[in-house]
Amino acid sequence: MEFKNKKPALLLVDIQKAFLDKDYPGNKRNNLDAELICGKILKKWRELGLKVIHVRHSSTNPKSMLHESKPGFEFNDHVKPINDEMVLTKKVNSAFIGTGLNEILKKLKIETLVIVGMTTNHCISTTVRMSGNLGYETYLISDSTACYNTIGLDGKEIDCNVIYNSAMASLKNEFAEIINSKELFSLIT
């Protein structure tokens, strides 16, 4: 069966301006072109007339760069929603909690999710895990997501690439098929 015939939906998670800020917690990040790649995937999805769902994070902490009162809450310019594209707002890591996403997907008869966005070890990981657990055929696009350096339990900084590789390895085959954007484009064209 052709990939397009699986009625795939593109789920863009937390591709917001806060992640462009050099002062975002962790500072150093990998995959600096992740948002650009998300934009290319979104463009192709639109050309093919496939379902697009944008999800953004709305922090309840007024000091957070992802609080609705801050410029970082806005969508990244590469992936701004247009026309009738669905926009859901979440307050926790999973795009499925508090958004009605599962019910929306069931109503649309979507069985396949292609997930892109930020950040790999937080909202992407949580959303991918739930997607897999809910029975969706799930694809995570490896070059469309990124991690930041993180402070470990011992107080030492863990490099973003270590965090990224660990997060991807934990998701691979158990919750999702991990492919890059070139592999995705070969599936949908």
N, C-alpha and C. Protein backbone atom coordinates (compact mmCIF):
# COMPACT_ATOMS: atom_id res chain seq x y z
N MET A 1 0.85 -1.19 0.00
CA MET A 1 0.00 0.00 0.00
C MET A 1 0.89 1.25 0.00
N GLU A 2 0.56 2.21 -0.86
CA GLU A 2 1.29 3.46 -0.91
C GLU A 2 1.10 4.23 0.39
N PHE A 3 2.18 4.91 0.82
CA PHE A 3 2.16 5.65 2.07
C PHE A 3 1.02 6.66 2.10
N LYS A 4 0.81 7.39 1.00
CA LYS A 4 -0.25 8.40 0.95
C LYS A 4 -1.63 7.79 1.16
N ASN A 5 -1.79 6.53 0.81
CA ASN A 5 -3.08 5.86 0.97
C ASN A 5 -3.35 5.43 2.41
N LYS A 6 -2.34 5.55 3.27
CA LYS A 6 -2.52 5.22 4.69
C LYS A 6 -3.18 6.37 5.46
N LYS A 7 -3.58 7.41 4.74
CA LYS A 7 -4.17 8.61 5.35
C LYS A 7 -3.30 9.16 6.48
N PRO A 8 -2.04 9.46 6.17
CA PRO A 8 -1.17 9.97 7.23
C PRO A 8 -1.48 11.43 7.58
N ALA A 9 -1.33 11.76 8.83
CA ALA A 9 -1.43 13.15 9.27
C ALA A 9 -0.04 13.59 9.73
N LEU A 10 0.28 14.84 9.45
CA LEU A 10 1.53 15.44 9.93
C LEU A 10 1.23 16.17 11.22
N LEU A 11 1.93 15.79 12.29
CA LEU A 11 1.76 16.41 13.59
C LEU A 11 3.01 17.24 13.88
N LEU A 12 2.86 18.55 13.87
CA LEU A 12 3.96 19.48 14.14
C LEU A 12 3.86 19.91 15.59
N VAL A 13 4.83 19.52 16.40
CA VAL A 13 4.75 19.73 17.85
C VAL A 13 5.73 20.81 18.30
N ASP A 14 5.21 21.86 18.90
CA ASP A 14 5.99 22.88 19.59
C ASP A 14 7.09 23.52 18.75
N ILE A 15 6.81 23.80 17.51
CA ILE A 15 7.81 24.47 16.68
C ILE A 15 7.57 25.97 16.85
N GLN A 16 8.09 26.47 17.96
CA GLN A 16 7.81 27.82 18.42
C GLN A 16 9.10 28.64 18.52
N LYS A 17 8.94 29.94 18.51
CA LYS A 17 10.09 30.85 18.48
C LYS A 17 10.98 30.75 19.71
N ALA A 18 10.46 30.30 20.83
CA ALA A 18 11.28 30.19 22.04
C ALA A 18 12.53 29.34 21.80
N PHE A 19 12.41 28.33 20.94
CA PHE A 19 13.53 27.42 20.72
C PHE A 19 14.63 28.02 19.85
N LEU A 20 14.39 29.20 19.31
CA LEU A 20 15.42 29.90 18.53
C LEU A 20 16.27 30.80 19.41
N ASP A 21 15.81 31.06 20.62
CA ASP A 21 16.50 31.99 21.52
C ASP A 21 17.79 31.37 22.04
N LYS A 22 18.90 32.11 21.92
CA LYS A 22 20.19 31.60 22.39
C LYS A 22 20.21 31.40 23.90
N ASP A 23 19.29 32.02 24.60
CA ASP A 23 19.24 31.87 26.05
C ASP A 23 18.26 30.80 26.52
N TYR A 24 17.70 30.04 25.54
CA TYR A 24 16.80 28.95 25.94
C TYR A 24 17.57 28.01 26.87
N PRO A 25 16.94 27.51 27.92
CA PRO A 25 17.65 26.63 28.87
C PRO A 25 18.42 25.51 28.16
N GLY A 26 19.70 25.39 28.53
CA GLY A 26 20.55 24.38 27.93
C GLY A 26 21.48 24.97 26.89
N ASN A 27 21.12 26.14 26.35
CA ASN A 27 21.90 26.85 25.34
C ASN A 27 22.29 26.00 24.14
N LYS A 28 23.24 25.09 24.28
CA LYS A 28 23.72 24.33 23.14
C LYS A 28 22.69 23.30 22.71
N ARG A 29 22.46 23.23 21.40
CA ARG A 29 21.53 22.23 20.87
C ARG A 29 22.09 21.62 19.60
N ASN A 30 21.56 20.48 19.24
CA ASN A 30 21.95 19.83 17.98
C ASN A 30 20.90 20.13 16.92
N ASN A 31 21.10 19.58 15.71
CA ASN A 31 20.14 19.71 14.60
C ASN A 31 19.63 21.15 14.44
N LEU A 32 20.55 22.06 14.18
CA LEU A 32 20.19 23.48 14.08
C LEU A 32 19.24 23.77 12.91
N ASP A 33 19.13 22.86 11.95
CA ASP A 33 18.21 23.05 10.83
C ASP A 33 16.87 22.36 11.03
N ALA A 34 16.59 21.90 12.23
CA ALA A 34 15.36 21.12 12.47
C ALA A 34 14.11 21.88 12.03
N GLU A 35 13.99 23.15 12.39
CA GLU A 35 12.79 23.91 12.04
C GLU A 35 12.69 24.11 10.52
N LEU A 36 13.81 24.33 9.87
CA LEU A 36 13.83 24.47 8.41
C LEU A 36 13.34 23.17 7.76
N ILE A 37 13.78 22.03 8.27
CA ILE A 37 13.35 20.73 7.75
C ILE A 37 11.85 20.53 8.00
N CYS A 38 11.39 20.92 9.17
CA CYS A 38 9.96 20.85 9.46
C CYS A 38 9.17 21.66 8.44
N GLY A 39 9.68 22.83 8.09
CA GLY A 39 9.03 23.68 7.10
C GLY A 39 8.98 23.02 5.73
N LYS A 40 10.05 22.34 5.34
CA LYS A 40 10.07 21.65 4.04
C LYS A 40 9.06 20.49 4.02
N ILE A 41 8.98 19.78 5.14
CA ILE A 41 8.01 18.68 5.23
C ILE A 41 6.60 19.23 5.16
N LEU A 42 6.35 20.31 5.90
CA LEU A 42 5.02 20.94 5.88
C LEU A 42 4.65 21.40 4.47
N LYS A 43 5.59 21.99 3.77
CA LYS A 43 5.33 22.45 2.39
C LYS A 43 4.91 21.28 1.51
N LYS A 44 5.63 20.18 1.61
CA LYS A 44 5.31 18.99 0.80
C LYS A 44 3.94 18.45 1.20
N TRP A 45 3.65 18.41 2.48
CA TRP A 45 2.36 17.90 2.98
C TRP A 45 1.22 18.73 2.41
N ARG A 46 1.41 20.05 2.40
CA ARG A 46 0.39 20.95 1.85
C ARG A 46 0.20 20.70 0.36
N GLU A 47 1.31 20.53 -0.37
CA GLU A 47 1.22 20.26 -1.81
C GLU A 47 0.42 18.99 -2.10
N LEU A 48 0.57 18.00 -1.24
CA LEU A 48 -0.11 16.72 -1.43
C LEU A 48 -1.54 16.73 -0.89
N GLY A 49 -1.92 17.81 -0.20
CA GLY A 49 -3.27 17.92 0.34
C GLY A 49 -3.53 16.97 1.50
N LEU A 50 -2.48 16.63 2.26
CA LEU A 50 -2.62 15.72 3.40
C LEU A 50 -2.92 16.51 4.67
N LYS A 51 -3.45 15.83 5.66
CA LYS A 51 -3.89 16.47 6.92
C LYS A 51 -2.71 16.98 7.73
N VAL A 52 -2.84 18.23 8.19
CA VAL A 52 -1.82 18.89 9.00
C VAL A 52 -2.44 19.30 10.33
N ILE A 53 -1.73 19.00 11.42
CA ILE A 53 -2.18 19.43 12.75
C ILE A 53 -0.99 20.07 13.46
N HIS A 54 -1.16 21.33 13.85
CA HIS A 54 -0.14 22.06 14.60
C HIS A 54 -0.47 21.97 16.09
N VAL A 55 0.55 21.73 16.89
CA VAL A 55 0.39 21.72 18.35
C VAL A 55 1.41 22.69 18.92
N ARG A 56 0.95 23.53 19.84
CA ARG A 56 1.90 24.44 20.49
C ARG A 56 1.79 24.29 21.99
N HIS A 57 2.91 24.59 22.65
CA HIS A 57 2.95 24.49 24.11
C HIS A 57 2.65 25.86 24.71
N SER A 58 1.77 25.87 25.69
CA SER A 58 1.44 27.09 26.42
C SER A 58 1.79 26.85 27.89
N SER A 59 2.95 27.35 28.29
CA SER A 59 3.39 27.15 29.67
C SER A 59 2.49 27.91 30.64
N THR A 60 2.25 27.31 31.79
CA THR A 60 1.47 28.00 32.82
C THR A 60 2.35 28.91 33.66
N ASN A 61 3.67 28.82 33.47
CA ASN A 61 4.63 29.66 34.20
C ASN A 61 4.81 30.98 33.45
N PRO A 62 4.39 32.11 34.04
CA PRO A 62 4.48 33.39 33.34
C PRO A 62 5.91 33.79 32.98
N LYS A 63 6.91 33.19 33.61
CA LYS A 63 8.31 33.51 33.31
C LYS A 63 8.86 32.66 32.16
N SER A 64 8.15 31.64 31.76
CA SER A 64 8.60 30.75 30.70
C SER A 64 8.57 31.46 29.34
N MET A 65 9.55 31.16 28.50
CA MET A 65 9.57 31.70 27.14
C MET A 65 8.41 31.15 26.31
N LEU A 66 7.78 30.07 26.78
CA LEU A 66 6.64 29.46 26.08
C LEU A 66 5.29 29.89 26.68
N HIS A 67 5.30 30.89 27.56
CA HIS A 67 4.05 31.43 28.09
C HIS A 67 3.40 32.26 26.99
N GLU A 68 2.07 32.23 26.91
CA GLU A 68 1.36 32.91 25.83
C GLU A 68 1.62 34.41 25.76
N SER A 69 2.11 35.01 26.84
CA SER A 69 2.40 36.44 26.86
C SER A 69 3.77 36.77 26.27
N LYS A 70 4.57 35.77 25.97
CA LYS A 70 5.94 35.97 25.50
C LYS A 70 6.05 35.76 23.98
N PRO A 71 7.00 36.44 23.34
CA PRO A 71 7.20 36.26 21.89
C PRO A 71 7.55 34.81 21.51
N GLY A 72 8.17 34.08 22.42
CA GLY A 72 8.55 32.70 22.17
C GLY A 72 7.38 31.75 22.01
N PHE A 73 6.19 32.17 22.39
CA PHE A 73 4.98 31.36 22.25
C PHE A 73 4.57 31.23 20.78
N GLU A 74 4.92 32.22 19.97
CA GLU A 74 4.51 32.26 18.57
C GLU A 74 5.13 31.11 17.78
N PHE A 75 4.44 30.69 16.73
CA PHE A 75 4.96 29.65 15.85
C PHE A 75 6.20 30.16 15.11
N ASN A 76 7.15 29.27 14.89
CA ASN A 76 8.32 29.55 14.09
C ASN A 76 7.85 29.93 12.68
N ASP A 77 8.55 30.86 12.06
CA ASP A 77 8.15 31.36 10.73
C ASP A 77 8.11 30.26 9.67
N HIS A 78 8.90 29.21 9.82
CA HIS A 78 8.95 28.11 8.84
C HIS A 78 7.67 27.27 8.83
N VAL A 79 6.88 27.35 9.90
CA VAL A 79 5.73 26.43 10.02
C VAL A 79 4.44 27.12 10.45
N LYS A 80 4.29 28.38 10.15
CA LYS A 80 3.07 29.08 10.57
C LYS A 80 1.85 28.45 9.94
N PRO A 81 0.81 28.19 10.74
CA PRO A 81 -0.43 27.61 10.21
C PRO A 81 -1.08 28.55 9.19
N ILE A 82 -1.71 27.94 8.20
CA ILE A 82 -2.46 28.71 7.20
C ILE A 82 -3.85 28.11 7.04
N ASN A 83 -4.73 28.91 6.45
CA ASN A 83 -6.08 28.48 6.07
C ASN A 83 -6.78 27.71 7.18
N ASP A 84 -7.19 26.48 6.87
CA ASP A 84 -7.98 25.71 7.83
C ASP A 84 -7.15 24.69 8.60
N GLU A 85 -5.84 24.87 8.64
CA GLU A 85 -5.01 23.91 9.38
C GLU A 85 -5.34 23.99 10.87
N MET A 86 -5.49 22.83 11.43
CA MET A 86 -5.88 22.72 12.83
C MET A 86 -4.73 23.14 13.76
N VAL A 87 -5.07 23.91 14.79
CA VAL A 87 -4.11 24.33 15.81
C VAL A 87 -4.63 23.90 17.17
N LEU A 88 -3.84 23.10 17.88
CA LEU A 88 -4.18 22.66 19.23
C LEU A 88 -3.16 23.25 20.20
N THR A 89 -3.60 23.57 21.39
CA THR A 89 -2.72 24.12 22.41
C THR A 89 -2.71 23.19 23.61
N LYS A 90 -1.50 22.86 24.07
CA LYS A 90 -1.34 21.95 25.21
C LYS A 90 -0.60 22.66 26.33
N LYS A 91 -0.75 22.12 27.54
CA LYS A 91 -0.08 22.68 28.70
C LYS A 91 0.89 21.68 29.34
N VAL A 92 0.94 20.46 28.78
CA VAL A 92 1.84 19.42 29.29
C VAL A 92 2.65 18.87 28.11
N ASN A 93 3.51 17.89 28.36
CA ASN A 93 4.40 17.38 27.32
C ASN A 93 3.70 16.66 26.18
N SER A 94 2.67 15.91 26.45
CA SER A 94 2.02 15.13 25.40
C SER A 94 0.99 15.93 24.61
N ALA A 95 1.07 15.82 23.29
CA ALA A 95 0.08 16.47 22.43
C ALA A 95 -1.29 15.81 22.56
N PHE A 96 -1.36 14.66 23.22
CA PHE A 96 -2.63 13.94 23.36
C PHE A 96 -3.40 14.35 24.62
N ILE A 97 -2.76 15.00 25.57
CA ILE A 97 -3.40 15.31 26.84
C ILE A 97 -3.97 16.73 26.83
N GLY A 98 -5.27 16.82 27.06
CA GLY A 98 -5.93 18.11 27.16
C GLY A 98 -6.21 18.79 25.83
N THR A 99 -6.01 18.09 24.72
CA THR A 99 -6.19 18.70 23.40
C THR A 99 -7.31 18.06 22.59
N GLY A 100 -7.74 16.88 22.98
CA GLY A 100 -8.73 16.14 22.20
C GLY A 100 -8.14 15.51 20.95
N LEU A 101 -6.81 15.46 20.86
CA LEU A 101 -6.15 14.96 19.65
C LEU A 101 -6.58 13.55 19.27
N ASN A 102 -6.62 12.64 20.23
CA ASN A 102 -6.99 11.26 19.91
C ASN A 102 -8.39 11.19 19.30
N GLU A 103 -9.32 11.92 19.87
CA GLU A 103 -10.69 11.93 19.37
C GLU A 103 -10.75 12.54 17.97
N ILE A 104 -9.97 13.59 17.75
CA ILE A 104 -9.91 14.24 16.42
C ILE A 104 -9.39 13.26 15.39
N LEU A 105 -8.31 12.55 15.72
CA LEU A 105 -7.72 11.59 14.78
C LEU A 105 -8.69 10.45 14.47
N LYS A 106 -9.40 9.98 15.49
CA LYS A 106 -10.39 8.91 15.29
C LYS A 106 -11.50 9.39 14.36
N LYS A 107 -11.99 10.61 14.59
CA LYS A 107 -13.05 11.17 13.76
C LYS A 107 -12.60 11.31 12.30
N LEU A 108 -11.32 11.68 12.11
CA LEU A 108 -10.78 11.84 10.76
C LEU A 108 -10.33 10.51 10.14
N LYS A 109 -10.43 9.43 10.92
CA LYS A 109 -10.01 8.10 10.49
C LYS A 109 -8.52 8.04 10.14
N ILE A 110 -7.72 8.80 10.90
CA ILE A 110 -6.27 8.81 10.73
C ILE A 110 -5.69 7.63 11.51
N GLU A 111 -4.86 6.85 10.86
CA GLU A 111 -4.20 5.71 11.51
C GLU A 111 -2.69 5.84 11.54
N THR A 112 -2.16 6.79 10.76
CA THR A 112 -0.71 6.97 10.64
C THR A 112 -0.35 8.40 11.01
N LEU A 113 0.61 8.55 11.91
CA LEU A 113 1.08 9.87 12.31
C LEU A 113 2.55 10.03 11.96
N VAL A 114 2.87 11.15 11.35
CA VAL A 114 4.26 11.55 11.11
C VAL A 114 4.50 12.73 12.04
N ILE A 115 5.47 12.57 12.94
CA ILE A 115 5.68 13.54 14.01
C ILE A 115 7.01 14.27 13.82
N VAL A 116 6.95 15.60 13.92
CA VAL A 116 8.13 16.46 13.84
C VAL A 116 8.02 17.52 14.93
N GLY A 117 9.15 18.11 15.32
CA GLY A 117 9.08 19.22 16.26
C GLY A 117 10.10 19.19 17.37
N MET A 118 9.76 19.90 18.43
CA MET A 118 10.70 20.15 19.51
C MET A 118 10.13 19.68 20.86
N THR A 119 10.93 19.37 21.78
CA THR A 119 12.28 18.89 21.72
C THR A 119 12.25 17.36 21.83
N THR A 120 13.29 16.73 21.31
CA THR A 120 13.31 15.27 21.18
C THR A 120 13.01 14.55 22.47
N ASN A 121 13.68 14.95 23.54
CA ASN A 121 13.59 14.21 24.80
C ASN A 121 12.45 14.67 25.71
N HIS A 122 11.69 15.64 25.27
CA HIS A 122 10.56 16.11 26.08
C HIS A 122 9.23 15.84 25.37
N CYS A 123 8.70 16.86 24.72
CA CYS A 123 7.36 16.74 24.13
C CYS A 123 7.30 15.78 22.95
N ILE A 124 8.38 15.69 22.19
CA ILE A 124 8.38 14.74 21.07
C ILE A 124 8.35 13.31 21.62
N SER A 125 9.24 13.00 22.55
CA SER A 125 9.29 11.66 23.12
C SER A 125 7.96 11.27 23.76
N THR A 126 7.39 12.17 24.53
CA THR A 126 6.12 11.88 25.21
C THR A 126 5.00 11.67 24.21
N THR A 127 4.93 12.50 23.18
CA THR A 127 3.88 12.39 22.16
C THR A 127 4.06 11.12 21.34
N VAL A 128 5.30 10.81 20.95
CA VAL A 128 5.57 9.60 20.17
C VAL A 128 5.20 8.36 20.98
N ARG A 129 5.54 8.33 22.24
CA ARG A 129 5.22 7.17 23.09
C ARG A 129 3.70 6.97 23.17
N MET A 130 2.98 8.05 23.39
CA MET A 130 1.52 7.93 23.47
C MET A 130 0.92 7.53 22.13
N SER A 131 1.46 8.07 21.05
CA SER A 131 0.97 7.72 19.72
C SER A 131 1.11 6.22 19.48
N GLY A 132 2.29 5.69 19.80
CA GLY A 132 2.51 4.25 19.66
C GLY A 132 1.61 3.44 20.56
N ASN A 133 1.47 3.87 21.80
CA ASN A 133 0.64 3.14 22.75
C ASN A 133 -0.84 3.18 22.39
N LEU A 134 -1.26 4.22 21.72
CA LEU A 134 -2.66 4.32 21.29
C LEU A 134 -2.93 3.57 20.00
N GLY A 135 -1.89 2.99 19.42
CA GLY A 135 -2.06 2.13 18.25
C GLY A 135 -1.86 2.79 16.90
N TYR A 136 -1.38 4.03 16.88
CA TYR A 136 -1.12 4.68 15.60
C TYR A 136 0.19 4.14 15.00
N GLU A 137 0.20 3.99 13.68
CA GLU A 137 1.46 3.71 12.99
C GLU A 137 2.22 5.03 13.03
N THR A 138 3.32 5.05 13.74
CA THR A 138 3.99 6.31 14.07
C THR A 138 5.36 6.39 13.43
N TYR A 139 5.63 7.52 12.80
CA TYR A 139 6.93 7.81 12.20
C TYR A 139 7.48 9.08 12.85
N LEU A 140 8.68 8.99 13.36
CA LEU A 140 9.38 10.17 13.89
C LEU A 140 10.48 10.52 12.90
N ILE A 141 10.50 11.77 12.48
CA ILE A 141 11.47 12.22 11.49
C ILE A 141 12.70 12.75 12.23
N SER A 142 13.78 11.99 12.13
CA SER A 142 14.95 12.20 12.98
C SER A 142 15.61 13.57 12.82
N ASP A 143 15.65 14.11 11.63
CA ASP A 143 16.33 15.39 11.44
C ASP A 143 15.40 16.59 11.60
N SER A 144 14.18 16.33 12.07
CA SER A 144 13.20 17.40 12.27
C SER A 144 13.03 17.73 13.74
N THR A 145 13.92 17.25 14.58
CA THR A 145 13.81 17.46 16.01
C THR A 145 15.19 17.69 16.59
N ALA A 146 15.26 18.25 17.79
CA ALA A 146 16.55 18.60 18.38
C ALA A 146 16.47 18.54 19.90
N CYS A 147 17.66 18.44 20.50
CA CYS A 147 17.81 18.43 21.96
C CYS A 147 18.75 19.54 22.40
N TYR A 148 18.67 19.88 23.66
CA TYR A 148 19.58 20.84 24.29
C TYR A 148 20.45 20.11 25.31
N ASN A 149 21.60 20.70 25.62
CA ASN A 149 22.40 20.17 26.71
C ASN A 149 21.54 20.15 27.97
N THR A 150 21.78 19.16 28.82
CA THR A 150 20.97 18.95 30.02
C THR A 150 21.88 18.70 31.21
N ILE A 151 21.47 19.16 32.36
CA ILE A 151 22.23 18.89 33.58
C ILE A 151 21.76 17.56 34.15
N GLY A 152 22.71 16.63 34.36
CA GLY A 152 22.40 15.30 34.88
C GLY A 152 22.19 15.30 36.38
N LEU A 153 21.86 14.14 36.92
CA LEU A 153 21.62 13.99 38.36
C LEU A 153 22.85 14.31 39.19
N ASP A 154 24.02 14.12 38.59
CA ASP A 154 25.28 14.40 39.29
C ASP A 154 25.70 15.86 39.18
N GLY A 155 24.87 16.69 38.53
CA GLY A 155 25.17 18.10 38.38
C GLY A 155 26.05 18.42 37.19
N LYS A 156 26.47 17.41 36.46
CA LYS A 156 27.33 17.63 35.29
C LYS A 156 26.48 17.77 34.03
N GLU A 157 27.00 18.56 33.11
CA GLU A 157 26.28 18.80 31.85
C GLU A 157 26.41 17.59 30.92
N ILE A 158 25.27 17.20 30.34
CA ILE A 158 25.23 16.10 29.37
C ILE A 158 25.05 16.73 27.99
N ASP A 159 25.91 16.35 27.07
CA ASP A 159 25.88 16.90 25.72
C ASP A 159 24.55 16.59 25.02
N CYS A 160 24.07 17.55 24.25
CA CYS A 160 22.80 17.41 23.54
C CYS A 160 22.78 16.20 22.60
N ASN A 161 23.90 15.86 22.00
CA ASN A 161 23.93 14.71 21.09
C ASN A 161 23.75 13.40 21.84
N VAL A 162 24.26 13.32 23.05
CA VAL A 162 24.06 12.13 23.88
C VAL A 162 22.59 12.01 24.25
N ILE A 163 21.99 13.11 24.66
CA ILE A 163 20.56 13.13 25.01
C ILE A 163 19.72 12.72 23.79
N TYR A 164 20.03 13.31 22.64
CA TYR A 164 19.30 13.03 21.40
C TYR A 164 19.39 11.55 21.02
N ASN A 165 20.60 11.02 20.98
CA ASN A 165 20.80 9.62 20.58
C ASN A 165 20.12 8.66 21.55
N SER A 166 20.16 8.97 22.83
CA SER A 166 19.50 8.14 23.83
C SER A 166 17.97 8.17 23.66
N ALA A 167 17.44 9.37 23.44
CA ALA A 167 15.99 9.51 23.25
C ALA A 167 15.53 8.76 22.01
N MET A 168 16.27 8.91 20.92
CA MET A 168 15.91 8.22 19.68
C MET A 168 15.99 6.70 19.83
N ALA A 169 17.04 6.23 20.49
CA ALA A 169 17.21 4.79 20.69
C ALA A 169 16.07 4.22 21.53
N SER A 170 15.58 5.00 22.49
CA SER A 170 14.49 4.55 23.36
C SER A 170 13.16 4.46 22.61
N LEU A 171 13.00 5.24 21.55
CA LEU A 171 11.75 5.27 20.78
C LEU A 171 11.76 4.29 19.61
N LYS A 172 12.94 4.02 19.08
CA LYS A 172 13.09 3.23 17.85
C LYS A 172 12.45 1.85 17.99
N ASN A 173 11.59 1.55 17.04
CA ASN A 173 10.90 0.26 16.92
C ASN A 173 9.90 -0.03 18.04
N GLU A 174 10.16 0.43 19.23
CA GLU A 174 9.24 0.20 20.35
C GLU A 174 7.98 1.06 20.21
N PHE A 175 8.19 2.34 19.83
CA PHE A 175 7.07 3.28 19.74
C PHE A 175 6.88 3.86 18.35
N ALA A 176 7.94 3.87 17.55
CA ALA A 176 7.87 4.52 16.23
C ALA A 176 8.95 3.98 15.31
N GLU A 177 8.70 4.19 14.03
CA GLU A 177 9.75 3.96 13.05
C GLU A 177 10.48 5.29 12.91
N ILE A 178 11.79 5.27 13.06
CA ILE A 178 12.59 6.48 12.96
C ILE A 178 13.17 6.55 11.55
N ILE A 179 12.81 7.61 10.82
CA ILE A 179 13.35 7.83 9.49
C ILE A 179 13.76 9.30 9.37
N ASN A 180 14.60 9.62 8.39
CA ASN A 180 14.95 11.02 8.20
C ASN A 180 14.04 11.63 7.12
N SER A 181 14.20 12.92 6.89
CA SER A 181 13.30 13.61 5.96
C SER A 181 13.46 13.11 4.53
N LYS A 182 14.66 12.76 4.12
CA LYS A 182 14.85 12.23 2.76
C LYS A 182 14.09 10.92 2.59
N GLU A 183 14.13 10.07 3.60
CA GLU A 183 13.38 8.81 3.54
C GLU A 183 11.88 9.09 3.51
N LEU A 184 11.43 10.07 4.27
CA LEU A 184 10.01 10.43 4.25
C LEU A 184 9.59 10.92 2.87
N PHE A 185 10.39 11.79 2.26
CA PHE A 185 10.05 12.30 0.94
C PHE A 185 9.99 11.18 -0.08
N SER A 186 10.84 10.19 0.06
CA SER A 186 10.79 9.06 -0.90
C SER A 186 9.54 8.22 -0.69
N LEU A 187 9.00 8.20 0.52
CA LEU A 187 7.77 7.47 0.79
C LEU A 187 6.54 8.18 0.24
N ILE A 188 6.54 9.51 0.28
CA ILE A 188 5.31 10.24 -0.06
C ILE A 188 5.29 10.80 -1.47
N THR A 189 6.38 10.66 -2.23
CA THR A 189 6.36 11.20 -3.60
C THR A 189 6.35 10.09 -4.63
